C-alpha atoms as a PDB file:
ATOM      1  CA  MET A   1       3.238  19.475   0.788  1.00  0.00           C
ATOM      2  CA  LEU A   2       2.296  15.802   0.943  1.00  0.00           C
ATOM      3  CA  ASP A   3       4.468  13.380   2.899  1.00  0.00           C
ATOM      4  CA  LEU A   4       5.249   9.895   1.613  1.00  0.00           C
ATOM      5  CA  ILE A   5       7.260   7.163   3.306  1.00  0.00           C
ATOM      6  CA  ILE A   6       9.137   4.506   1.363  1.00  0.00           C
ATOM      7  CA  ASN A   7       9.790   1.429   3.477  1.00  0.00           C
ATOM      8  CA  VAL A   8      13.264   0.570   2.197  1.00  0.00           C
ATOM      9  CA  GLU A   9      13.913  -3.145   2.502  1.00  0.00           C
ATOM     10  CA  ARG A  10      16.431  -3.222  -0.351  1.00  0.00           C
ATOM     11  CA  MET A  11      18.936  -0.395  -0.626  1.00  0.00           C
ATOM     12  CA  ASP A  12      18.899  -0.635  -4.392  1.00  0.00           C
ATOM     13  CA  ASP A  13      18.039   2.091  -6.916  1.00  0.00           C
ATOM     14  CA  ASP A  14      15.988  -0.378  -8.950  1.00  0.00           C
ATOM     15  CA  ALA A  15      13.913  -1.956  -6.168  1.00  0.00           C
ATOM     16  CA  PRO A  16      10.280  -1.614  -7.360  1.00  0.00           C
ATOM     17  CA  ALA A  17       9.112   0.247  -4.238  1.00  0.00           C
ATOM     18  CA  ASN A  18      11.990   2.716  -4.535  1.00  0.00           C
ATOM     19  CA  VAL A  19      11.331   3.361  -8.237  1.00  0.00           C
ATOM     20  CA  VAL A  20       7.547   3.724  -7.894  1.00  0.00           C
ATOM     21  CA  GLY A  21       7.833   5.646  -4.631  1.00  0.00           C
ATOM     22  CA  MET A  22      10.325   8.172  -6.004  1.00  0.00           C
ATOM     23  CA  ALA A  23       8.410   8.629  -9.270  1.00  0.00           C
ATOM     24  CA  THR A  24       5.203   9.132  -7.274  1.00  0.00           C
ATOM     25  CA  ALA A  25       6.856  11.675  -4.964  1.00  0.00           C
ATOM     26  CA  HIS A  26       8.136  13.609  -7.983  1.00  0.00           C
ATOM     27  CA  ARG A  27       4.730  13.548  -9.634  1.00  0.00           C
ATOM     28  CA  LEU A  28       2.912  14.712  -6.500  1.00  0.00           C
ATOM     29  CA  GLY A  29       5.556  17.209  -5.387  1.00  0.00           C
ATOM     30  CA  ALA A  30       5.773  15.271  -2.122  1.00  0.00           C
ATOM     31  CA  PHE A  31       8.430  15.117   0.584  1.00  0.00           C
ATOM     32  CA  VAL A  32       9.682  11.539   0.760  1.00  0.00           C
ATOM     33  CA  THR A  33      11.209   9.804   3.759  1.00  0.00           C
ATOM     34  CA  GLY A  34      13.227   6.677   3.150  1.00  0.00           C
ATOM     35  CA  MET A  35      12.843   4.512   6.232  1.00  0.00           C
ATOM     36  CA  HIS A  36      14.729   1.358   7.082  1.00  0.00           C
ATOM     37  CA  VAL A  37      13.642  -0.680  10.099  1.00  0.00           C
ATOM     38  CA  VAL A  38      16.256  -2.664  11.990  1.00  0.00           C
ATOM     39  CA  ALA A  39      13.867  -5.275  13.300  1.00  0.00           C
ATOM     40  CA  VAL A  40      14.244  -6.459  16.887  1.00  0.00           C
ATOM     41  CA  TYR A  41      12.446  -9.603  18.031  1.00  0.00           C
ATOM     42  CA  PRO A  42      11.998 -10.253  21.790  1.00  0.00           C
ATOM     43  CA  PRO A  43      13.771 -13.664  21.897  1.00  0.00           C
ATOM     44  CA  ILE A  44      17.072 -12.158  20.707  1.00  0.00           C
ATOM     45  CA  MET A  45      17.108  -9.249  23.151  1.00  0.00           C
ATOM     46  CA  THR A  46      18.832 -11.411  25.783  1.00  0.00           C
ATOM     47  CA  MET A  47      21.527 -12.634  23.356  1.00  0.00           C
ATOM     48  CA  PRO A  48      24.621 -10.376  23.323  1.00  0.00           C
ATOM     49  CA  GLU A  49      25.855 -11.779  20.004  1.00  0.00           C
ATOM     50  CA  ALA A  50      22.543 -11.032  18.298  1.00  0.00           C
ATOM     51  CA  MET A  51      22.425  -7.506  19.696  1.00  0.00           C
ATOM     52  CA  ALA A  52      25.939  -6.888  18.384  1.00  0.00           C
ATOM     53  CA  LEU A  53      24.766  -7.949  14.921  1.00  0.00           C
ATOM     54  CA  LEU A  54      21.876  -5.481  15.178  1.00  0.00           C
ATOM     55  CA  ASP A  55      24.347  -2.722  16.067  1.00  0.00           C
ATOM     56  CA  THR A  56      26.303  -3.567  12.923  1.00  0.00           C
ATOM     57  CA  GLU A  57      23.144  -3.596  10.785  1.00  0.00           C
ATOM     58  CA  GLU A  58      22.052  -0.236  12.174  1.00  0.00           C
ATOM     59  CA  ARG A  59      25.429   1.388  11.455  1.00  0.00           C
ATOM     60  CA  ALA A  60      25.416  -0.039   7.916  1.00  0.00           C
ATOM     61  CA  ALA A  61      21.910   1.315   7.319  1.00  0.00           C
ATOM     62  CA  GLN A  62      22.830   4.767   8.645  1.00  0.00           C
ATOM     63  CA  ALA A  63      25.720   4.814   6.178  1.00  0.00           C
ATOM     64  CA  HIS A  64      23.209   4.753   3.290  1.00  0.00           C
ATOM     65  CA  ALA A  65      22.046   8.318   3.987  1.00  0.00           C
ATOM     66  CA  GLY A  66      24.229   9.634   1.156  1.00  0.00           C
ATOM     67  CA  TRP A  67      22.794   7.084  -1.269  1.00  0.00           C
ATOM     68  CA  TRP A  68      19.289   8.237  -0.381  1.00  0.00           C
ATOM     69  CA  ARG A  69      20.141  11.909  -0.832  1.00  0.00           C
ATOM     70  CA  SER A  70      21.569  11.111  -4.270  1.00  0.00           C
ATOM     71  CA  LEU A  71      18.409   9.219  -5.195  1.00  0.00           C
ATOM     72  CA  CYS A  72      16.275  12.183  -4.108  1.00  0.00           C
ATOM     73  CA  GLU A  73      18.393  14.535  -6.211  1.00  0.00           C
ATOM     74  CA  ARG A  74      18.071  12.281  -9.246  1.00  0.00           C
ATOM     75  CA  TYR A  75      14.272  12.342  -9.015  1.00  0.00           C
ATOM     76  CA  GLY A  76      14.111  16.027  -8.109  1.00  0.00           C
ATOM     77  CA  VAL A  77      12.390  15.544  -4.758  1.00  0.00           C
ATOM     78  CA  GLN A  78      12.979  16.669  -1.192  1.00  0.00           C
ATOM     79  CA  GLY A  79      13.565  13.908   1.301  1.00  0.00           C
ATOM     80  CA  GLU A  80      15.378  12.480   4.276  1.00  0.00           C
ATOM     81  CA  TRP A  81      16.740   9.138   5.468  1.00  0.00           C
ATOM     82  CA  GLU A  82      15.672   7.501   8.735  1.00  0.00           C
ATOM     83  CA  VAL A  83      16.840   4.325  10.417  1.00  0.00           C
ATOM     84  CA  LEU A  84      14.631   3.120  13.257  1.00  0.00           C
ATOM     85  CA  ARG A  85      15.277   0.146  15.502  1.00  0.00           C
ATOM     86  CA  GLY A  86      12.603  -1.837  17.255  1.00  0.00           C
ATOM     87  CA  SER A  87       9.623  -4.115  16.707  1.00  0.00           C
ATOM     88  CA  TYR A  88       8.922  -3.963  12.962  1.00  0.00           C
ATOM     89  CA  VAL A  89       5.155  -3.474  12.794  1.00  0.00           C
ATOM     90  CA  PRO A  90       4.671  -0.949  15.643  1.00  0.00           C
ATOM     91  CA  ILE A  91       7.647   1.112  14.408  1.00  0.00           C
ATOM     92  CA  LEU A  92       6.392   1.235  10.810  1.00  0.00           C
ATOM     93  CA  ALA A  93       2.768   1.796  11.817  1.00  0.00           C
ATOM     94  CA  LYS A  94       3.441   4.667  14.212  1.00  0.00           C
ATOM     95  CA  ARG A  95       5.948   6.451  11.971  1.00  0.00           C
ATOM     96  CA  SER A  96       3.532   6.271   9.038  1.00  0.00           C
ATOM     97  CA  ARG A  97       0.653   8.117  10.700  1.00  0.00           C
ATOM     98  CA  LEU A  98       1.608  11.546   9.351  1.00  0.00           C
ATOM     99  CA  ALA A  99       2.138  10.247   5.793  1.00  0.00           C
ATOM    100  CA  GLN A 100      -0.356  10.157   2.916  1.00  0.00           C
ATOM    101  CA  PHE A 101       0.655   6.534   2.446  1.00  0.00           C
ATOM    102  CA  ILE A 102       3.576   4.122   2.790  1.00  0.00           C
ATOM    103  CA  VAL A 103       5.237   2.668  -0.312  1.00  0.00           C
ATOM    104  CA  THR A 104       6.675  -0.801   0.199  1.00  0.00           C
ATOM    105  CA  ASP A 105       7.671  -3.866  -1.770  1.00  0.00           C
ATOM    106  CA  LEU A 106       5.178  -6.733  -1.757  1.00  0.00           C
ATOM    107  CA  PRO A 107       7.214  -9.956  -1.657  1.00  0.00           C
ATOM    108  CA  VAL A 108       6.319 -12.927  -3.800  1.00  0.00           C
ATOM    109  CA  LYS A 109       4.110 -15.217  -1.750  1.00  0.00           C
ATOM    110  CA  ASN A 110       5.911 -18.028   0.051  1.00  0.00           C
ATOM    111  CA  PRO A 111       3.465 -20.962   0.029  1.00  0.00           C
ATOM    112  CA  ASP A 112       5.156 -22.430   3.121  1.00  0.00           C
ATOM    113  CA  SER A 113       4.834 -19.309   5.293  1.00  0.00           C
ATOM    114  CA  PRO A 114       2.072 -19.125   7.946  1.00  0.00           C
ATOM    115  CA  ILE A 115      -1.020 -17.324   6.690  1.00  0.00           C
ATOM    116  CA  GLY A 116      -1.245 -13.740   7.864  1.00  0.00           C
ATOM    117  CA  PHE A 117       2.035 -13.581   9.765  1.00  0.00           C
ATOM    118  CA  ASP A 118       4.256 -11.779   7.258  1.00  0.00           C
ATOM    119  CA  ASN A 119       5.223  -8.196   8.042  1.00  0.00           C
ATOM    120  CA  ILE A 120       3.044  -6.690   5.290  1.00  0.00           C
ATOM    121  CA  THR A 121      -0.142  -8.424   6.469  1.00  0.00           C
ATOM    122  CA  ARG A 122       0.633  -7.598  10.085  1.00  0.00           C
ATOM    123  CA  THR A 123       1.213  -3.957   9.191  1.00  0.00           C
ATOM    124  CA  LEU A 124      -2.159  -3.878   7.411  1.00  0.00           C
ATOM    125  CA  PHE A 125      -3.622  -5.210  10.671  1.00  0.00           C
ATOM    126  CA  GLY A 126      -1.835  -2.456  12.558  1.00  0.00           C
ATOM    127  CA  ASP A 127      -2.865   1.144  12.974  1.00  0.00           C
ATOM    128  CA  ALA A 128      -0.806   2.343  10.014  1.00  0.00           C
ATOM    129  CA  ALA A 129      -1.344   4.734   7.135  1.00  0.00           C
ATOM    130  CA  PRO A 130      -2.678   3.279   3.872  1.00  0.00           C
ATOM    131  CA  MET A 131      -0.075   1.265   1.981  1.00  0.00           C
ATOM    132  CA  LEU A 132       1.005   1.341  -1.660  1.00  0.00           C
ATOM    133  CA  LEU A 133       2.202  -2.231  -2.177  1.00  0.00           C
ATOM    134  CA  VAL A 134       4.461  -2.759  -5.195  1.00  0.00           C
ATOM    135  CA  PRO A 135       5.002  -6.394  -6.254  1.00  0.00           C
ATOM    136  CA  GLU A 136       8.667  -7.367  -6.381  1.00  0.00           C
ATOM    137  CA  THR A 137       8.019  -8.585  -9.931  1.00  0.00           C
ATOM    138  CA  TRP A 138       6.487  -5.269 -11.122  1.00  0.00           C
ATOM    139  CA  GLN A 139       7.988  -4.103 -14.423  1.00  0.00           C
ATOM    140  CA  GLY A 140       5.210  -1.728 -15.453  1.00  0.00           C
ATOM    141  CA  PRO A 141       5.312   2.076 -15.471  1.00  0.00           C
ATOM    142  CA  ALA A 142       6.597   3.915 -12.419  1.00  0.00           C
ATOM    143  CA  THR A 143       3.893   6.565 -12.852  1.00  0.00           C
ATOM    144  CA  LEU A 144       0.541   5.027 -11.975  1.00  0.00           C
ATOM    145  CA  GLU A 145      -1.766   6.482 -14.634  1.00  0.00           C
ATOM    146  CA  ARG A 146      -4.533   3.904 -15.084  1.00  0.00           C
ATOM    147  CA  VAL A 147      -6.407   3.256 -11.852  1.00  0.00           C
ATOM    148  CA  LEU A 148      -9.097   0.735 -10.928  1.00  0.00           C
ATOM    149  CA  ILE A 149     -11.116   1.365  -7.746  1.00  0.00           C
ATOM    150  CA  ALA A 150     -12.810  -1.577  -6.018  1.00  0.00           C
ATOM    151  CA  TRP A 151     -15.619   0.060  -4.042  1.00  0.00           C
ATOM    152  CA  ASN A 152     -17.879  -1.588  -1.482  1.00  0.00           C
ATOM    153  CA  GLY A 153     -18.849   1.355   0.724  1.00  0.00           C
ATOM    154  CA  SER A 154     -16.701   0.235   3.665  1.00  0.00           C
ATOM    155  CA  GLY A 155     -14.624   2.547   5.813  1.00  0.00           C
ATOM    156  CA  GLU A 156     -11.515   0.753   4.586  1.00  0.00           C
ATOM    157  CA  ALA A 157     -12.422   1.410   0.944  1.00  0.00           C
ATOM    158  CA  ALA A 158     -13.173   5.070   1.700  1.00  0.00           C
ATOM    159  CA  ASP A 159      -9.807   5.489   3.426  1.00  0.00           C
ATOM    160  CA  ALA A 160      -8.045   3.903   0.442  1.00  0.00           C
ATOM    161  CA  VAL A 161      -9.793   6.246  -2.022  1.00  0.00           C
ATOM    162  CA  LYS A 162      -8.970   9.316   0.078  1.00  0.00           C
ATOM    163  CA  ALA A 163      -5.321   8.267   0.293  1.00  0.00           C
ATOM    164  CA  ALA A 164      -5.240   7.731  -3.485  1.00  0.00           C
ATOM    165  CA  LEU A 165      -6.878  11.087  -4.282  1.00  0.00           C
ATOM    166  CA  PRO A 166      -3.649  12.887  -5.335  1.00  0.00           C
ATOM    167  CA  LEU A 167      -2.992  10.037  -7.779  1.00  0.00           C
ATOM    168  CA  LEU A 168      -6.597   9.950  -9.000  1.00  0.00           C
ATOM    169  CA  ARG A 169      -6.483  13.665  -9.843  1.00  0.00           C
ATOM    170  CA  ARG A 170      -3.494  13.052 -12.116  1.00  0.00           C
ATOM    171  CA  ALA A 171      -4.597   9.727 -13.630  1.00  0.00           C
ATOM    172  CA  SER A 172      -5.289   9.363 -17.336  1.00  0.00           C
ATOM    173  CA  LYS A 173      -8.092   6.873 -16.616  1.00  0.00           C
ATOM    174  CA  VAL A 174     -10.053   6.007 -13.464  1.00  0.00           C
ATOM    175  CA  ARG A 175     -12.567   3.164 -13.452  1.00  0.00           C
ATOM    176  CA  MET A 176     -14.734   2.247 -10.479  1.00  0.00           C
ATOM    177  CA  LEU A 177     -16.312  -1.128  -9.823  1.00  0.00           C
ATOM    178  CA  ASP A 178     -19.190  -0.407  -7.447  1.00  0.00           C
ATOM    179  CA  GLY A 179     -20.065  -3.397  -5.307  1.00  0.00           C
ATOM    180  CA  GLU A 180     -21.787  -1.504  -2.495  1.00  0.00           C
ATOM    181  CA  ARG A 181     -24.968  -3.277  -1.506  1.00  0.00           C
ATOM    182  CA  ALA A 182     -28.174  -1.308  -1.040  1.00  0.00           C
ATOM    183  CA  GLY A 183     -29.690  -1.557   2.430  1.00  0.00           C
ATOM    184  CA  LEU A 184     -33.329  -1.541   3.412  1.00  0.00           C
ATOM    185  CA  PRO A 185     -34.756   1.992   3.017  1.00  0.00           C
ATOM    186  CA  GLY A 186     -35.252   3.671   6.366  1.00  0.00           C
ATOM    187  CA  LEU A 187     -33.293   0.976   8.213  1.00  0.00           C
ATOM    188  CA  ALA A 188     -29.799   0.890   6.730  1.00  0.00           C
ATOM    189  CA  PRO A 189     -27.657   3.943   5.918  1.00  0.00           C
ATOM    190  CA  PRO A 190     -27.873   4.995   2.258  1.00  0.00           C
ATOM    191  CA  ALA A 191     -25.043   4.293  -0.159  1.00  0.00           C
ATOM    192  CA  LEU A 192     -22.196   6.786  -0.112  1.00  0.00           C
ATOM    193  CA  PRO A 193     -22.251   9.275  -3.042  1.00  0.00           C
ATOM    194  CA  LEU A 194     -18.703   8.458  -4.144  1.00  0.00           C
ATOM    195  CA  ARG A 195     -19.135   9.461  -7.784  1.00  0.00           C
ATOM    196  CA  ALA A 196     -20.378  12.930  -6.839  1.00  0.00           C
ATOM    197  CA  TRP A 197     -17.626  13.318  -4.243  1.00  0.00           C
ATOM    198  CA  LEU A 198     -14.923  12.375  -6.756  1.00  0.00           C
ATOM    199  CA  ALA A 199     -16.381  14.794  -9.306  1.00  0.00           C
ATOM    200  CA  ARG A 200     -16.068  17.604  -6.758  1.00  0.00           C
ATOM    201  CA  GLN A 201     -12.425  16.634  -6.331  1.00  0.00           C
ATOM    202  CA  GLY A 202     -11.836  16.958 -10.067  1.00  0.00           C
ATOM    203  CA  VAL A 203     -11.749  13.219 -10.794  1.00  0.00           C
ATOM    204  CA  THR A 204     -13.622  11.827 -13.804  1.00  0.00           C
ATOM    205  CA  VAL A 205     -14.632   8.210 -13.269  1.00  0.00           C
ATOM    206  CA  GLU A 206     -15.939   5.437 -15.496  1.00  0.00           C
ATOM    207  CA  TRP A 207     -18.456   3.712 -13.224  1.00  0.00           C
ATOM    208  CA  GLU A 208     -20.061   0.278 -13.388  1.00  0.00           C
ATOM    209  CA  ARG A 209     -21.806  -2.130 -11.065  1.00  0.00           C
ATOM    210  CA  PHE A 210     -19.858  -5.073  -9.720  1.00  0.00           C
ATOM    211  CA  ASP A 211     -21.453  -8.042  -7.998  1.00  0.00           C
ATOM    212  CA  ASP A 212     -19.707  -9.654  -5.043  1.00  0.00           C
ATOM    213  CA  SER A 213     -19.051 -13.395  -5.285  1.00  0.00           C
ATOM    214  CA  PRO A 214     -16.874 -16.100  -3.710  1.00  0.00           C
ATOM    215  CA  HIS A 215     -14.330 -15.279  -6.437  1.00  0.00           C
ATOM    216  CA  THR A 216     -14.283 -11.500  -6.021  1.00  0.00           C
ATOM    217  CA  GLY A 217     -10.503 -11.316  -5.621  1.00  0.00           C
ATOM    218  CA  LYS A 218      -9.839 -13.122  -8.889  1.00  0.00           C
ATOM    219  CA  ALA A 219     -12.520 -11.071 -10.659  1.00  0.00           C
ATOM    220  CA  LEU A 220     -10.904  -7.808  -9.502  1.00  0.00           C
ATOM    221  CA  LEU A 221      -7.502  -8.850 -10.816  1.00  0.00           C
ATOM    222  CA  ASP A 222      -9.081  -9.985 -14.097  1.00  0.00           C
ATOM    223  CA  GLU A 223     -10.767  -6.579 -14.464  1.00  0.00           C
ATOM    224  CA  ALA A 224      -7.477  -4.820 -13.694  1.00  0.00           C
ATOM    225  CA  ARG A 225      -5.704  -6.876 -16.343  1.00  0.00           C
ATOM    226  CA  ALA A 226      -8.452  -6.243 -18.902  1.00  0.00           C
ATOM    227  CA  MET A 227      -8.110  -2.446 -18.568  1.00  0.00           C
ATOM    228  CA  ASP A 228      -4.300  -2.620 -18.365  1.00  0.00           C
ATOM    229  CA  ALA A 229      -4.451  -0.929 -14.959  1.00  0.00           C
ATOM    230  CA  ASP A 230      -1.313   0.297 -13.202  1.00  0.00           C
ATOM    231  CA  LEU A 231      -2.943   0.505  -9.765  1.00  0.00           C
ATOM    232  CA  LEU A 232      -5.789  -1.158  -7.856  1.00  0.00           C
ATOM    233  CA  VAL A 233      -7.292   0.869  -4.989  1.00  0.00           C
ATOM    234  CA  MET A 234      -9.298  -1.068  -2.400  1.00  0.00           C
ATOM    235  CA  GLY A 235      -9.984  -1.518   1.282  1.00  0.00           C
ATOM    236  CA  ALA A 236      -8.325  -4.385   3.105  1.00  0.00           C
ATOM    237  CA  TRP A 237     -10.375  -6.937   5.028  1.00  0.00           C
ATOM    238  CA  GLY A 238     -13.864  -6.272   3.724  1.00  0.00           C
ATOM    239  CA  ARG A 239     -15.242  -8.986   5.971  1.00  0.00           C
ATOM    240  CA  SER A 240     -13.888 -10.295   9.269  1.00  0.00           C
ATOM    241  CA  ARG A 241     -10.114 -10.490   9.311  1.00  0.00           C
ATOM    242  CA  LEU A 242     -10.127 -13.979  10.827  1.00  0.00           C
ATOM    243  CA  SER A 243     -12.439 -15.274   8.124  1.00  0.00           C
ATOM    244  CA  GLU A 244     -10.254 -13.659   5.434  1.00  0.00           C
ATOM    245  CA  LEU A 245      -7.127 -15.287   6.830  1.00  0.00           C
ATOM    246  CA  VAL A 246      -8.543 -18.726   7.557  1.00  0.00           C
ATOM    247  CA  LEU A 247     -11.196 -19.163   4.870  1.00  0.00           C
ATOM    248  CA  GLY A 248      -9.834 -16.795   2.258  1.00  0.00           C
ATOM    249  CA  GLY A 249     -11.417 -13.750   0.690  1.00  0.00           C
ATOM    250  CA  ALA A 250     -10.860 -10.894  -1.734  1.00  0.00           C
ATOM    251  CA  THR A 251      -8.091  -9.238   0.295  1.00  0.00           C
ATOM    252  CA  ARG A 252      -6.113 -12.405   0.766  1.00  0.00           C
ATOM    253  CA  HIS A 253      -6.509 -13.480  -2.863  1.00  0.00           C
ATOM    254  CA  VAL A 254      -5.438 -10.090  -4.201  1.00  0.00           C
ATOM    255  CA  LEU A 255      -2.407  -9.918  -1.892  1.00  0.00           C
ATOM    256  CA  ASP A 256      -1.369 -13.444  -2.845  1.00  0.00           C
ATOM    257  CA  HIS A 257      -1.886 -13.151  -6.608  1.00  0.00           C
ATOM    258  CA  THR A 258      -1.627  -9.500  -7.647  1.00  0.00           C
ATOM    259  CA  HIS A 259       0.314  -8.602 -10.764  1.00  0.00           C
ATOM    260  CA  LEU A 260       0.039  -4.826 -10.220  1.00  0.00           C
ATOM    261  CA  PRO A 261       0.570  -2.288  -7.411  1.00  0.00           C
ATOM    262  CA  LEU A 262      -2.148  -2.032  -4.763  1.00  0.00           C
ATOM    263  CA  LEU A 263      -3.172   0.924  -2.632  1.00  0.00           C
ATOM    264  CA  MET A 264      -4.869  -0.604   0.400  1.00  0.00           C
ATOM    265  CA  ALA A 265      -6.192   0.774   3.672  1.00  0.00           C
ATOM    266  CA  HIS A 266      -7.198  -1.051   6.833  1.00  0.00           C
END
């Protein structure tokens, strides 16, 4: 049985991550853990009033166990409710390591926030499982049937595809944009045989070449919109993470501007 984790920021039946996560768990026959992190930041650990507020938040979160069980019953899935307290990113990253992927809401970008310091970006930096990021504005289908793969041969892209495999096997359409660059024969490793590997896994793929450019992120989202995709699968940080954060790049553009769910791996 597969294990999924839904990172529950909003204890609301209709939160996009909860809807997509539960529908995905039902479709895959997966066990689903609803996890809420009571985030602790070092500066407040010496403030008694702040710690008392965290105690209150933790008790309130624990009280939602019945709500979660009811949600699991409604979707016909097995699951459990966990409340963990501590530093947000290490807690989420470590707990996720036994899961196929984490499902979490992707907040609308705040143009005034520091680049790369939100919890989602920091968790992608961390040693976490792949993440299924559902935009807070997502109103598309809860079952992710039409999948676009952005492939560049990187380890991150391979991890994202492997995490998405249960979804790919059940998809009605899978399209792959192959941007892997050929190396010099005899010097660079050969391209990975992804099409043949997917075929052995029972996944039929529409394949086409895709040329990298300074506007790769926008081009990927345009391609996803053109095929009416429900999910974009890609590796995060295809070039150096510092250059992505400071200068921009495909990962940053897609995270900032996506209109559809993303399955990303670091």
